[in-house]
């Protein structure tokens, strides 16, 4: 009786090992989000914000707007 189980188990193990080698065509579960390509725009906004902060600091330190008169 145990002779009948062993070939089935071996076939099952062989099939499961083969399925591990090939990923499924349709992914299940969470997938990576699609990127929209806004990376250069984000970098531009960061650079603009840094430049604005630098101009404001220089303006305040030099009395450009007359805040400390």
N, C-alpha and C. Protein backbone atom coordinates (compact mmCIF):
# COMPACT_ATOMS: atom_id res chain seq x y z
N UNK A 1 0.81 -1.19 0.00
CA UNK A 1 0.00 0.00 0.00
C UNK A 1 0.86 1.26 0.00
N UNK A 2 1.99 1.21 0.66
CA UNK A 2 2.87 2.38 0.66
C UNK A 2 3.53 2.57 -0.70
N UNK A 3 3.58 1.48 -1.50
CA UNK A 3 4.15 1.60 -2.84
C UNK A 3 3.31 2.51 -3.73
N UNK A 4 2.00 2.54 -3.50
CA UNK A 4 1.13 3.39 -4.32
C UNK A 4 1.28 4.86 -3.98
N UNK A 5 1.59 5.18 -2.74
CA UNK A 5 1.70 6.58 -2.32
C UNK A 5 3.01 7.21 -2.80
N UNK A 6 4.07 6.46 -2.80
CA UNK A 6 5.38 7.05 -3.12
C UNK A 6 5.45 7.61 -4.53
N UNK A 7 5.00 6.92 -5.56
CA UNK A 7 5.07 7.53 -6.90
C UNK A 7 4.21 8.79 -7.02
N UNK A 8 3.05 8.81 -6.37
CA UNK A 8 2.21 10.00 -6.42
C UNK A 8 2.90 11.17 -5.73
N UNK A 9 3.53 10.91 -4.59
CA UNK A 9 4.24 11.97 -3.88
C UNK A 9 5.41 12.48 -4.70
N UNK A 10 6.12 11.58 -5.36
CA UNK A 10 7.24 12.00 -6.19
C UNK A 10 6.77 12.84 -7.37
N UNK A 11 5.65 12.44 -7.97
CA UNK A 11 5.10 13.23 -9.07
C UNK A 11 4.68 14.61 -8.60
N UNK A 12 4.07 14.64 -7.41
CA UNK A 12 3.63 15.92 -6.85
C UNK A 12 4.84 16.81 -6.57
N UNK A 13 5.86 16.25 -5.97
CA UNK A 13 7.06 17.03 -5.65
C UNK A 13 7.72 17.52 -6.92
N UNK A 14 7.75 16.69 -7.95
CA UNK A 14 8.36 17.09 -9.21
C UNK A 14 7.56 18.24 -9.83
N UNK A 15 6.24 18.13 -9.79
CA UNK A 15 5.40 19.18 -10.35
C UNK A 15 5.54 20.48 -9.57
N UNK A 16 5.64 20.40 -8.25
CA UNK A 16 5.76 21.63 -7.46
C UNK A 16 7.13 22.28 -7.66
N UNK A 17 8.18 21.49 -7.84
CA UNK A 17 9.50 22.06 -8.12
C UNK A 17 9.53 22.74 -9.48
N UNK A 18 8.86 22.16 -10.45
CA UNK A 18 8.81 22.78 -11.78
C UNK A 18 8.04 24.08 -11.75
N UNK A 19 6.98 24.13 -10.95
CA UNK A 19 6.19 25.36 -10.90
C UNK A 19 6.95 26.47 -10.19
N UNK A 20 7.88 26.13 -9.31
CA UNK A 20 8.68 27.15 -8.64
C UNK A 20 9.68 27.78 -9.60
N UNK A 21 10.09 27.08 -10.62
CA UNK A 21 11.07 27.61 -11.56
C UNK A 21 10.47 28.69 -12.45
N UNK A 22 9.21 28.56 -12.80
CA UNK A 22 8.56 29.51 -13.70
C UNK A 22 7.58 30.35 -12.91
N UNK A 23 7.75 31.69 -12.90
CA UNK A 23 6.78 32.52 -12.17
C UNK A 23 5.43 32.51 -12.88
N UNK A 24 4.36 32.71 -12.16
CA UNK A 24 3.03 32.71 -12.79
C UNK A 24 2.88 33.90 -13.73
N UNK A 25 2.07 33.73 -14.76
CA UNK A 25 1.86 34.79 -15.73
C UNK A 25 1.13 35.98 -15.11
N UNK A 26 0.13 35.69 -14.31
CA UNK A 26 -0.63 36.75 -13.66
C UNK A 26 -0.19 36.84 -12.21
N UNK A 27 0.32 38.01 -11.81
CA UNK A 27 0.80 38.16 -10.44
C UNK A 27 -0.38 38.24 -9.48
N UNK A 28 -0.18 37.65 -8.32
CA UNK A 28 -1.22 37.67 -7.30
C UNK A 28 -0.77 38.57 -6.16
N UNK A 29 -1.71 39.20 -5.50
CA UNK A 29 -1.39 40.02 -4.34
C UNK A 29 -0.98 41.43 -4.74
N UNK A 30 -0.18 42.05 -3.88
CA UNK A 30 0.23 43.43 -4.11
C UNK A 30 1.23 43.50 -5.25
N UNK A 31 1.10 44.53 -6.05
CA UNK A 31 2.03 44.77 -7.14
C UNK A 31 2.63 46.15 -6.97
N UNK A 32 3.79 46.35 -7.58
CA UNK A 32 4.42 47.66 -7.51
C UNK A 32 3.57 48.68 -8.28
N UNK A 33 3.43 49.88 -7.71
CA UNK A 33 2.63 50.88 -8.41
C UNK A 33 3.33 51.36 -9.68
N UNK A 34 2.54 51.77 -10.64
CA UNK A 34 3.10 52.30 -11.87
C UNK A 34 3.59 53.72 -11.62
N UNK A 35 4.78 54.02 -12.07
CA UNK A 35 5.31 55.37 -11.90
C UNK A 35 4.85 56.22 -13.07
N UNK A 36 4.64 57.51 -12.81
CA UNK A 36 4.11 58.39 -13.84
C UNK A 36 5.20 59.22 -14.50
N UNK A 37 6.42 59.15 -14.02
CA UNK A 37 7.51 59.88 -14.65
C UNK A 37 7.63 61.31 -14.17
N UNK A 38 7.19 61.65 -12.97
CA UNK A 38 7.29 62.99 -12.44
C UNK A 38 8.60 63.25 -11.69
N UNK A 39 9.55 62.35 -11.78
CA UNK A 39 10.79 62.49 -11.02
C UNK A 39 11.52 63.81 -11.35
N UNK A 40 11.73 64.19 -12.62
CA UNK A 40 12.40 65.46 -12.89
C UNK A 40 11.62 66.66 -12.36
N UNK A 41 10.29 66.60 -12.40
CA UNK A 41 9.47 67.69 -11.89
C UNK A 41 9.65 67.84 -10.38
N UNK A 42 9.70 66.72 -9.66
CA UNK A 42 9.91 66.77 -8.22
C UNK A 42 11.28 67.36 -7.88
N UNK A 43 12.30 66.99 -8.64
CA UNK A 43 13.64 67.52 -8.40
C UNK A 43 13.64 69.02 -8.67
N UNK A 44 12.95 69.46 -9.72
CA UNK A 44 12.87 70.89 -10.02
C UNK A 44 12.17 71.67 -8.92
N UNK A 45 11.11 71.11 -8.36
CA UNK A 45 10.40 71.78 -7.27
C UNK A 45 11.28 71.90 -6.04
N UNK A 46 12.04 70.87 -5.73
CA UNK A 46 12.94 70.90 -4.57
C UNK A 46 14.02 71.95 -4.78
N UNK A 47 14.61 72.00 -5.95
CA UNK A 47 15.65 73.00 -6.23
C UNK A 47 15.06 74.41 -6.14
N UNK A 48 13.86 74.62 -6.69
CA UNK A 48 13.21 75.92 -6.61
C UNK A 48 12.95 76.33 -5.16
N UNK A 49 12.47 75.40 -4.34
CA UNK A 49 12.20 75.72 -2.94
C UNK A 49 13.49 76.09 -2.20
N UNK A 50 14.57 75.36 -2.48
CA UNK A 50 15.86 75.68 -1.83
C UNK A 50 16.33 77.07 -2.25
N UNK A 51 16.20 77.40 -3.53
CA UNK A 51 16.61 78.73 -4.00
C UNK A 51 15.77 79.84 -3.35
N UNK A 52 14.47 79.62 -3.21
CA UNK A 52 13.61 80.61 -2.56
C UNK A 52 14.02 80.81 -1.11
N UNK A 53 14.33 79.73 -0.41
CA UNK A 53 14.77 79.83 0.99
C UNK A 53 16.07 80.60 1.07
N UNK A 54 17.00 80.34 0.16
CA UNK A 54 18.29 81.05 0.17
C UNK A 54 18.07 82.54 -0.08
N UNK A 55 17.22 82.90 -1.05
CA UNK A 55 16.96 84.31 -1.34
C UNK A 55 16.32 84.99 -0.13
N UNK A 56 15.39 84.33 0.53
CA UNK A 56 14.74 84.92 1.71
C UNK A 56 15.75 85.13 2.83
N UNK A 57 16.63 84.17 3.08
CA UNK A 57 17.63 84.30 4.14
C UNK A 57 18.59 85.44 3.82
N UNK A 58 19.06 85.52 2.57
CA UNK A 58 19.97 86.60 2.18
C UNK A 58 19.26 87.95 2.28
N UNK A 59 18.00 87.98 1.86
CA UNK A 59 17.23 89.24 1.94
C UNK A 59 17.04 89.71 3.36
N UNK A 60 16.74 88.83 4.27
CA UNK A 60 16.56 89.21 5.67
C UNK A 60 17.88 89.64 6.29
N UNK A 61 18.96 88.92 5.99
CA UNK A 61 20.26 89.24 6.61
C UNK A 61 20.82 90.56 6.08
N UNK A 62 20.52 90.95 4.85
CA UNK A 62 21.02 92.20 4.28
C UNK A 62 20.05 93.38 4.49
N UNK A 63 18.92 93.14 5.09
CA UNK A 63 17.94 94.21 5.30
C UNK A 63 17.27 94.61 4.00
N UNK A 64 17.12 93.73 3.08
CA UNK A 64 16.57 94.03 1.75
C UNK A 64 15.12 94.53 1.84
N UNK A 65 14.36 94.07 2.79
CA UNK A 65 12.96 94.44 2.88
C UNK A 65 12.68 95.43 4.03
N UNK A 66 13.69 95.89 4.67
CA UNK A 66 13.53 96.86 5.73
C UNK A 66 12.83 96.33 6.95
N UNK A 67 13.05 95.07 7.27
CA UNK A 67 12.38 94.48 8.43
C UNK A 67 12.99 94.92 9.75
N UNK A 68 14.26 95.31 9.76
CA UNK A 68 14.94 95.64 11.02
C UNK A 68 15.28 97.12 11.12
N UNK A 69 14.48 97.99 10.53
CA UNK A 69 14.75 99.44 10.60
C UNK A 69 14.17 100.03 11.85
